[in-house]
Amino acid sequence: MSQSLSPENEAYVDGQVAGGVFASRDEAIDAGVGLLRKREALVQRLKESRRQLDDGQFTEYDDDALAARFDELKAKAATRSQS
């Protein structure tokens, strides 16, 4: 596949390779595509979260209930880390 970048992006990638951040242009471009994939996954998660909010699928917490929920989650995490 042919890769065509804007002059600004070309200079940036070349600088990253020259600085040792990436071993090659292909590695730098693969890293960029990986970030685009992660971004798309995050956008999809946000859309699903928005849908759930719109559908009323959420739990409201006051300060005390939220603190209790965090304590519950911390205890659960501690139990898992001991396993």
PDB file of N, CA and C in Angstrom:
ATOM      1  N   MET A   1       0.855  -1.178   0.000  1.00  0.00           N
ATOM      2  CA  MET A   1       0.000   0.000   0.000  1.00  0.00           C
ATOM      3  C   MET A   1       0.898   1.237   0.000  1.00  0.00           C
ATOM      4  N   SER A   2       0.542   2.160  -0.818  1.00  0.00           N
ATOM      5  CA  SER A   2       1.284   3.417  -0.908  1.00  0.00           C
ATOM      6  C   SER A   2       0.848   4.345   0.215  1.00  0.00           C
ATOM      7  N   GLN A   3       1.800   5.050   0.807  1.00  0.00           N
ATOM      8  CA  GLN A   3       1.501   5.955   1.899  1.00  0.00           C
ATOM      9  C   GLN A   3       1.814   7.378   1.468  1.00  0.00           C
ATOM     10  N   SER A   4       0.804   8.225   1.540  1.00  0.00           N
ATOM     11  CA  SER A   4       0.989   9.612   1.179  1.00  0.00           C
ATOM     12  C   SER A   4       0.590  10.471   2.371  1.00  0.00           C
ATOM     13  N   LEU A   5       1.556  11.224   2.899  1.00  0.00           N
ATOM     14  CA  LEU A   5       1.299  12.069   4.056  1.00  0.00           C
ATOM     15  C   LEU A   5       1.459  13.528   3.670  1.00  0.00           C
ATOM     16  N   SER A   6       0.808  14.395   4.432  1.00  0.00           N
ATOM     17  CA  SER A   6       1.010  15.828   4.229  1.00  0.00           C
ATOM     18  C   SER A   6       2.464  16.153   4.575  1.00  0.00           C
ATOM     19  N   PRO A   7       2.983  17.232   4.048  1.00  0.00           N
ATOM     20  CA  PRO A   7       4.375  17.591   4.384  1.00  0.00           C
ATOM     21  C   PRO A   7       4.611  17.721   5.895  1.00  0.00           C
ATOM     22  N   GLU A   8       3.638  18.245   6.621  1.00  0.00           N
ATOM     23  CA  GLU A   8       3.774  18.382   8.070  1.00  0.00           C
ATOM     24  C   GLU A   8       3.854  17.025   8.754  1.00  0.00           C
ATOM     25  N   ASN A   9       2.973  16.112   8.341  1.00  0.00           N
ATOM     26  CA  ASN A   9       2.979  14.778   8.936  1.00  0.00           C
ATOM     27  C   ASN A   9       4.226  13.995   8.526  1.00  0.00           C
ATOM     28  N   GLU A  10       4.650  14.191   7.299  1.00  0.00           N
ATOM     29  CA  GLU A  10       5.872  13.546   6.808  1.00  0.00           C
ATOM     30  C   GLU A  10       7.059  13.973   7.675  1.00  0.00           C
ATOM     31  N   ALA A  11       7.182  15.266   7.931  1.00  0.00           N
ATOM     32  CA  ALA A  11       8.275  15.781   8.750  1.00  0.00           C
ATOM     33  C   ALA A  11       8.185  15.250  10.181  1.00  0.00           C
ATOM     34  N   TYR A  12       6.978  15.176  10.692  1.00  0.00           N
ATOM     35  CA  TYR A  12       6.799  14.680  12.057  1.00  0.00           C
ATOM     36  C   TYR A  12       7.230  13.220  12.166  1.00  0.00           C
ATOM     37  N   VAL A  13       6.755  12.389  11.239  1.00  0.00           N
ATOM     38  CA  VAL A  13       7.115  10.973  11.245  1.00  0.00           C
ATOM     39  C   VAL A  13       8.627  10.815  11.093  1.00  0.00           C
ATOM     40  N   ASP A  14       9.201  11.553  10.163  1.00  0.00           N
ATOM     41  CA  ASP A  14      10.651  11.471   9.961  1.00  0.00           C
ATOM     42  C   ASP A  14      11.399  11.872  11.238  1.00  0.00           C
ATOM     43  N   GLY A  15      10.900  12.875  11.927  1.00  0.00           N
ATOM     44  CA  GLY A  15      11.524  13.302  13.180  1.00  0.00           C
ATOM     45  C   GLY A  15      11.420  12.243  14.266  1.00  0.00           C
ATOM     46  N   GLN A  16      10.276  11.574  14.321  1.00  0.00           N
ATOM     47  CA  GLN A  16      10.082  10.512  15.300  1.00  0.00           C
ATOM     48  C   GLN A  16      11.030   9.329  15.030  1.00  0.00           C
ATOM     49  N   VAL A  17      11.197   9.005  13.760  1.00  0.00           N
ATOM     50  CA  VAL A  17      12.114   7.924  13.384  1.00  0.00           C
ATOM     51  C   VAL A  17      13.557   8.350  13.672  1.00  0.00           C
ATOM     52  N   ALA A  18      13.908   9.562  13.279  1.00  0.00           N
ATOM     53  CA  ALA A  18      15.272  10.059  13.507  1.00  0.00           C
ATOM     54  C   ALA A  18      15.595  10.139  14.999  1.00  0.00           C
ATOM     55  N   GLY A  19      14.603  10.440  15.808  1.00  0.00           N
ATOM     56  CA  GLY A  19      14.795  10.552  17.250  1.00  0.00           C
ATOM     57  C   GLY A  19      14.773   9.213  17.969  1.00  0.00           C
ATOM     58  N   GLY A  20      14.551   8.142  17.227  1.00  0.00           N
ATOM     59  CA  GLY A  20      14.571   6.812  17.818  1.00  0.00           C
ATOM     60  C   GLY A  20      13.276   6.378  18.470  1.00  0.00           C
ATOM     61  N   VAL A  21      12.235   7.169  18.335  1.00  0.00           N
ATOM     62  CA  VAL A  21      10.947   6.787  18.914  1.00  0.00           C
ATOM     63  C   VAL A  21      10.400   5.561  18.192  1.00  0.00           C
ATOM     64  N   PHE A  22      10.585   5.533  16.881  1.00  0.00           N
ATOM     65  CA  PHE A  22      10.170   4.405  16.059  1.00  0.00           C
ATOM     66  C   PHE A  22      11.352   3.949  15.222  1.00  0.00           C
ATOM     67  N   ALA A  23      11.384   2.664  14.909  1.00  0.00           N
ATOM     68  CA  ALA A  23      12.489   2.108  14.130  1.00  0.00           C
ATOM     69  C   ALA A  23      12.350   2.410  12.645  1.00  0.00           C
ATOM     70  N   SER A  24      11.115   2.666  12.202  1.00  0.00           N
ATOM     71  CA  SER A  24      10.890   2.903  10.774  1.00  0.00           C
ATOM     72  C   SER A  24       9.619   3.716  10.575  1.00  0.00           C
ATOM     73  N   ARG A  25       9.459   4.210   9.353  1.00  0.00           N
ATOM     74  CA  ARG A  25       8.230   4.936   9.008  1.00  0.00           C
ATOM     75  C   ARG A  25       7.020   4.024   9.153  1.00  0.00           C
ATOM     76  N   ASP A  26       7.165   2.775   8.699  1.00  0.00           N
ATOM     77  CA  ASP A  26       6.046   1.834   8.789  1.00  0.00           C
ATOM     78  C   ASP A  26       5.618   1.616  10.240  1.00  0.00           C
ATOM     79  N   GLU A  27       6.591   1.500  11.133  1.00  0.00           N
ATOM     80  CA  GLU A  27       6.272   1.314  12.547  1.00  0.00           C
ATOM     81  C   GLU A  27       5.521   2.534  13.092  1.00  0.00           C
ATOM     82  N   ALA A  28       5.947   3.719  12.708  1.00  0.00           N
ATOM     83  CA  ALA A  28       5.282   4.945  13.155  1.00  0.00           C
ATOM     84  C   ALA A  28       3.855   5.010  12.622  1.00  0.00           C
ATOM     85  N   ILE A  29       3.681   4.669  11.367  1.00  0.00           N
ATOM     86  CA  ILE A  29       2.347   4.712  10.766  1.00  0.00           C
ATOM     87  C   ILE A  29       1.451   3.640  11.382  1.00  0.00           C
ATOM     88  N   ASP A  30       2.010   2.445  11.640  1.00  0.00           N
ATOM     89  CA  ASP A  30       1.234   1.400  12.311  1.00  0.00           C
ATOM     90  C   ASP A  30       0.775   1.868  13.694  1.00  0.00           C
ATOM     91  N   ALA A  31       1.648   2.573  14.410  1.00  0.00           N
ATOM     92  CA  ALA A  31       1.281   3.095  15.729  1.00  0.00           C
ATOM     93  C   ALA A  31       0.131   4.096  15.597  1.00  0.00           C
ATOM     94  N   GLY A  32       0.191   4.930  14.570  1.00  0.00           N
ATOM     95  CA  GLY A  32      -0.882   5.898  14.347  1.00  0.00           C
ATOM     96  C   GLY A  32      -2.205   5.220  14.042  1.00  0.00           C
ATOM     97  N   VAL A  33      -2.161   4.189  13.221  1.00  0.00           N
ATOM     98  CA  VAL A  33      -3.386   3.449  12.891  1.00  0.00           C
ATOM     99  C   VAL A  33      -3.926   2.761  14.148  1.00  0.00           C
ATOM    100  N   GLY A  34      -3.017   2.238  14.978  1.00  0.00           N
ATOM    101  CA  GLY A  34      -3.446   1.635  16.237  1.00  0.00           C
ATOM    102  C   GLY A  34      -4.191   2.627  17.118  1.00  0.00           C
ATOM    103  N   LEU A  35      -3.688   3.855  17.166  1.00  0.00           N
ATOM    104  CA  LEU A  35      -4.374   4.887  17.946  1.00  0.00           C
ATOM    105  C   LEU A  35      -5.737   5.235  17.352  1.00  0.00           C
ATOM    106  N   LEU A  36      -5.826   5.240  16.036  1.00  0.00           N
ATOM    107  CA  LEU A  36      -7.125   5.497  15.394  1.00  0.00           C
ATOM    108  C   LEU A  36      -8.129   4.400  15.737  1.00  0.00           C
ATOM    109  N   ARG A  37      -7.656   3.161  15.772  1.00  0.00           N
ATOM    110  CA  ARG A  37      -8.545   2.045  16.150  1.00  0.00           C
ATOM    111  C   ARG A  37      -9.026   2.202  17.593  1.00  0.00           C
ATOM    112  N   LYS A  38      -8.096   2.559  18.508  1.00  0.00           N
ATOM    113  CA  LYS A  38      -8.481   2.766  19.903  1.00  0.00           C
ATOM    114  C   LYS A  38      -9.466   3.915  20.032  1.00  0.00           C
ATOM    115  N   ARG A  39      -9.249   4.969  19.252  1.00  0.00           N
ATOM    116  CA  ARG A  39     -10.160   6.121  19.279  1.00  0.00           C
ATOM    117  C   ARG A  39     -11.554   5.706  18.833  1.00  0.00           C
ATOM    118  N   GLU A  40     -11.624   4.924  17.764  1.00  0.00           N
ATOM    119  CA  GLU A  40     -12.923   4.463  17.260  1.00  0.00           C
ATOM    120  C   GLU A  40     -13.633   3.609  18.303  1.00  0.00           C
ATOM    121  N   ALA A  41     -12.888   2.731  18.979  1.00  0.00           N
ATOM    122  CA  ALA A  41     -13.490   1.898  20.026  1.00  0.00           C
ATOM    123  C   ALA A  41     -14.023   2.768  21.157  1.00  0.00           C
ATOM    124  N   LEU A  42     -13.276   3.803  21.519  1.00  0.00           N
ATOM    125  CA  LEU A  42     -13.719   4.716  22.570  1.00  0.00           C
ATOM    126  C   LEU A  42     -14.968   5.477  22.150  1.00  0.00           C
ATOM    127  N   VAL A  43     -15.007   5.931  20.915  1.00  0.00           N
ATOM    128  CA  VAL A  43     -16.190   6.628  20.404  1.00  0.00           C
ATOM    129  C   VAL A  43     -17.405   5.710  20.473  1.00  0.00           C
ATOM    130  N   GLN A  44     -17.231   4.441  20.107  1.00  0.00           N
ATOM    131  CA  GLN A  44     -18.347   3.493  20.164  1.00  0.00           C
ATOM    132  C   GLN A  44     -18.804   3.271  21.609  1.00  0.00           C
ATOM    133  N   ARG A  45     -17.845   3.183  22.541  1.00  0.00           N
ATOM    134  CA  ARG A  45     -18.214   3.029  23.949  1.00  0.00           C
ATOM    135  C   ARG A  45     -18.961   4.253  24.448  1.00  0.00           C
ATOM    136  N   LEU A  46     -18.524   5.439  24.030  1.00  0.00           N
ATOM    137  CA  LEU A  46     -19.213   6.659  24.439  1.00  0.00           C
ATOM    138  C   LEU A  46     -20.633   6.729  23.866  1.00  0.00           C
ATOM    139  N   LYS A  47     -20.782   6.302  22.621  1.00  0.00           N
ATOM    140  CA  LYS A  47     -22.125   6.284  22.020  1.00  0.00           C
ATOM    141  C   LYS A  47     -23.038   5.327  22.776  1.00  0.00           C
ATOM    142  N   GLU A  48     -22.500   4.155  23.143  1.00  0.00           N
ATOM    143  CA  GLU A  48     -23.293   3.192  23.900  1.00  0.00           C
ATOM    144  C   GLU A  48     -23.635   3.751  25.283  1.00  0.00           C
ATOM    145  N   SER A  49     -22.688   4.424  25.911  1.00  0.00           N
ATOM    146  CA  SER A  49     -22.943   5.042  27.212  1.00  0.00           C
ATOM    147  C   SER A  49     -24.027   6.112  27.101  1.00  0.00           C
ATOM    148  N   ARG A  50     -23.955   6.904  26.039  1.00  0.00           N
ATOM    149  CA  ARG A  50     -24.971   7.946  25.824  1.00  0.00           C
ATOM    150  C   ARG A  50     -26.343   7.317  25.641  1.00  0.00           C
ATOM    151  N   ARG A  51     -26.395   6.221  24.881  1.00  0.00           N
ATOM    152  CA  ARG A  51     -27.666   5.529  24.667  1.00  0.00           C
ATOM    153  C   ARG A  51     -28.226   5.030  25.993  1.00  0.00           C
ATOM    154  N   GLN A  52     -27.343   4.449  26.828  1.00  0.00           N
ATOM    155  CA  GLN A  52     -27.788   3.948  28.120  1.00  0.00           C
ATOM    156  C   GLN A  52     -28.314   5.078  28.996  1.00  0.00           C
ATOM    157  N   LEU A  53     -27.620   6.207  28.993  1.00  0.00           N
ATOM    158  CA  LEU A  53     -28.116   7.357  29.760  1.00  0.00           C
ATOM    159  C   LEU A  53     -29.483   7.807  29.259  1.00  0.00           C
ATOM    160  N   ASP A  54     -29.604   7.908  27.940  1.00  0.00           N
ATOM    161  CA  ASP A  54     -30.875   8.343  27.350  1.00  0.00           C
ATOM    162  C   ASP A  54     -32.004   7.377  27.669  1.00  0.00           C
ATOM    163  N   ASP A  55     -31.666   6.082  27.808  1.00  0.00           N
ATOM    164  CA  ASP A  55     -32.675   5.062  28.118  1.00  0.00           C
ATOM    165  C   ASP A  55     -32.932   4.924  29.615  1.00  0.00           C
ATOM    166  N   GLY A  56     -32.230   5.746  30.416  1.00  0.00           N
ATOM    167  CA  GLY A  56     -32.435   5.694  31.854  1.00  0.00           C
ATOM    168  C   GLY A  56     -31.705   4.560  32.546  1.00  0.00           C
ATOM    169  N   GLN A  57     -30.729   3.981  31.898  1.00  0.00           N
ATOM    170  CA  GLN A  57     -29.987   2.857  32.473  1.00  0.00           C
ATOM    171  C   GLN A  57     -28.762   3.368  33.239  1.00  0.00           C
ATOM    172  N   PHE A  58     -29.006   3.955  34.392  1.00  0.00           N
ATOM    173  CA  PHE A  58     -27.907   4.458  35.213  1.00  0.00           C
ATOM    174  C   PHE A  58     -28.358   4.483  36.663  1.00  0.00           C
ATOM    175  N   THR A  59     -27.396   4.631  37.551  1.00  0.00           N
ATOM    176  CA  THR A  59     -27.670   4.712  38.980  1.00  0.00           C
ATOM    177  C   THR A  59     -27.118   6.027  39.493  1.00  0.00           C
ATOM    178  N   GLU A  60     -27.948   6.764  40.209  1.00  0.00           N
ATOM    179  CA  GLU A  60     -27.495   8.017  40.804  1.00  0.00           C
ATOM    180  C   GLU A  60     -26.979   7.739  42.208  1.00  0.00           C
ATOM    181  N   TYR A  61     -25.889   8.410  42.559  1.00  0.00           N
ATOM    182  CA  TYR A  61     -25.292   8.256  43.882  1.00  0.00           C
ATOM    183  C   TYR A  61     -25.143   9.629  44.534  1.00  0.00           C
ATOM    184  N   ASP A  62     -25.474   9.692  45.845  1.00  0.00           N
ATOM    185  CA  ASP A  62     -25.096  10.882  46.602  1.00  0.00           C
ATOM    186  C   ASP A  62     -23.676  10.646  47.114  1.00  0.00           C
ATOM    187  N   ASP A  63     -23.096  11.604  47.818  1.00  0.00           N
ATOM    188  CA  ASP A  63     -21.703  11.487  48.260  1.00  0.00           C
ATOM    189  C   ASP A  63     -21.467  10.254  49.124  1.00  0.00           C
ATOM    190  N   ASP A  64     -22.369   9.991  50.054  1.00  0.00           N
ATOM    191  CA  ASP A  64     -22.197   8.843  50.953  1.00  0.00           C
ATOM    192  C   ASP A  64     -22.313   7.522  50.196  1.00  0.00           C
ATOM    193  N   ALA A  65     -23.290   7.426  49.322  1.00  0.00           N
ATOM    194  CA  ALA A  65     -23.483   6.197  48.550  1.00  0.00           C
ATOM    195  C   ALA A  65     -22.316   5.967  47.598  1.00  0.00           C
ATOM    196  N   LEU A  66     -21.792   7.046  47.048  1.00  0.00           N
ATOM    197  CA  LEU A  66     -20.647   6.924  46.140  1.00  0.00           C
ATOM    198  C   LEU A  66     -19.408   6.456  46.901  1.00  0.00           C
ATOM    199  N   ALA A  67     -19.175   7.010  48.078  1.00  0.00           N
ATOM    200  CA  ALA A  67     -18.044   6.585  48.899  1.00  0.00           C
ATOM    201  C   ALA A  67     -18.182   5.109  49.272  1.00  0.00           C
ATOM    202  N   ALA A  68     -19.388   4.691  49.620  1.00  0.00           N
ATOM    203  CA  ALA A  68     -19.625   3.285  49.957  1.00  0.00           C
ATOM    204  C   ALA A  68     -19.378   2.390  48.743  1.00  0.00           C
ATOM    205  N   ARG A  69     -19.785   2.836  47.576  1.00  0.00           N
ATOM    206  CA  ARG A  69     -19.571   2.046  46.348  1.00  0.00           C
ATOM    207  C   ARG A  69     -18.082   1.916  46.050  1.00  0.00           C
ATOM    208  N   PHE A  70     -17.326   2.993  46.222  1.00  0.00           N
ATOM    209  CA  PHE A  70     -15.876   2.929  46.014  1.00  0.00           C
ATOM    210  C   PHE A  70     -15.228   1.965  47.005  1.00  0.00           C
ATOM    211  N   ASP A  71     -15.669   2.014  48.258  1.00  0.00           N
ATOM    212  CA  ASP A  71     -15.126   1.086  49.259  1.00  0.00           C
ATOM    213  C   ASP A  71     -15.418  -0.360  48.861  1.00  0.00           C
ATOM    214  N   GLU A  72     -16.606  -0.591  48.358  1.00  0.00           N
ATOM    215  CA  GLU A  72     -16.994  -1.930  47.902  1.00  0.00           C
ATOM    216  C   GLU A  72     -16.104  -2.392  46.743  1.00  0.00           C
ATOM    217  N   LEU A  73     -15.865  -1.503  45.801  1.00  0.00           N
ATOM    218  CA  LEU A  73     -15.023  -1.848  44.653  1.00  0.00           C
ATOM    219  C   LEU A  73     -13.574  -2.076  45.063  1.00  0.00           C
ATOM    220  N   LYS A  74     -13.080  -1.265  46.007  1.00  0.00           N
ATOM    221  CA  LYS A  74     -11.707  -1.448  46.498  1.00  0.00           C
ATOM    222  C   LYS A  74     -11.562  -2.806  47.182  1.00  0.00           C
ATOM    223  N   ALA A  75     -12.539  -3.178  47.982  1.00  0.00           N
ATOM    224  CA  ALA A  75     -12.501  -4.463  48.671  1.00  0.00           C
ATOM    225  C   ALA A  75     -12.528  -5.607  47.661  1.00  0.00           C
ATOM    226  N   LYS A  76     -13.345  -5.466  46.648  1.00  0.00           N
ATOM    227  CA  LYS A  76     -13.436  -6.495  45.613  1.00  0.00           C
ATOM    228  C   LYS A  76     -12.102  -6.616  44.860  1.00  0.00           C
ATOM    229  N   ALA A  77     -11.472  -5.476  44.550  1.00  0.00           N
ATOM    230  CA  ALA A  77     -10.184  -5.485  43.861  1.00  0.00           C
ATOM    231  C   ALA A  77      -9.109  -6.117  44.746  1.00  0.00           C
ATOM    232  N   ALA A  78      -9.144  -5.812  46.031  1.00  0.00           N
ATOM    233  CA  ALA A  78      -8.158  -6.385  46.961  1.00  0.00           C
ATOM    234  C   ALA A  78      -8.311  -7.893  47.029  1.00  0.00           C
ATOM    235  N   THR A  79      -9.551  -8.366  47.040  1.00  0.00           N
ATOM    236  CA  THR A  79      -9.810  -9.809  47.080  1.00  0.00           C
ATOM    237  C   THR A  79      -9.275 -10.485  45.819  1.00  0.00           C
ATOM    238  N   ARG A  80      -9.486  -9.867  44.680  1.00  0.00           N
ATOM    239  CA  ARG A  80      -8.992 -10.430  43.412  1.00  0.00           C
ATOM    240  C   ARG A  80      -7.479 -10.446  43.347  1.00  0.00           C
ATOM    241  N   SER A  81      -6.827  -9.417  43.884  1.00  0.00           N
ATOM    242  CA  SER A  81      -5.370  -9.345  43.801  1.00  0.00           C
ATOM    243  C   SER A  81      -4.715 -10.368  44.718  1.00  0.00           C
ATOM    244  N   GLN A  82      -5.438 -10.856  45.716  1.00  0.00           N
ATOM    245  CA  GLN A  82      -4.906 -11.865  46.630  1.00  0.00           C
ATOM    246  C   GLN A  82      -5.065 -13.269  46.077  1.00  0.00           C
ATOM    247  N   SER A  83      -5.874 -13.413  45.038  1.00  0.00           N
ATOM    248  CA  SER A  83      -6.130 -14.747  44.468  1.00  0.00           C
ATOM    249  C   SER A  83      -4.986 -15.231  43.617  1.00  0.00           C
TER     250      SER A  83
END
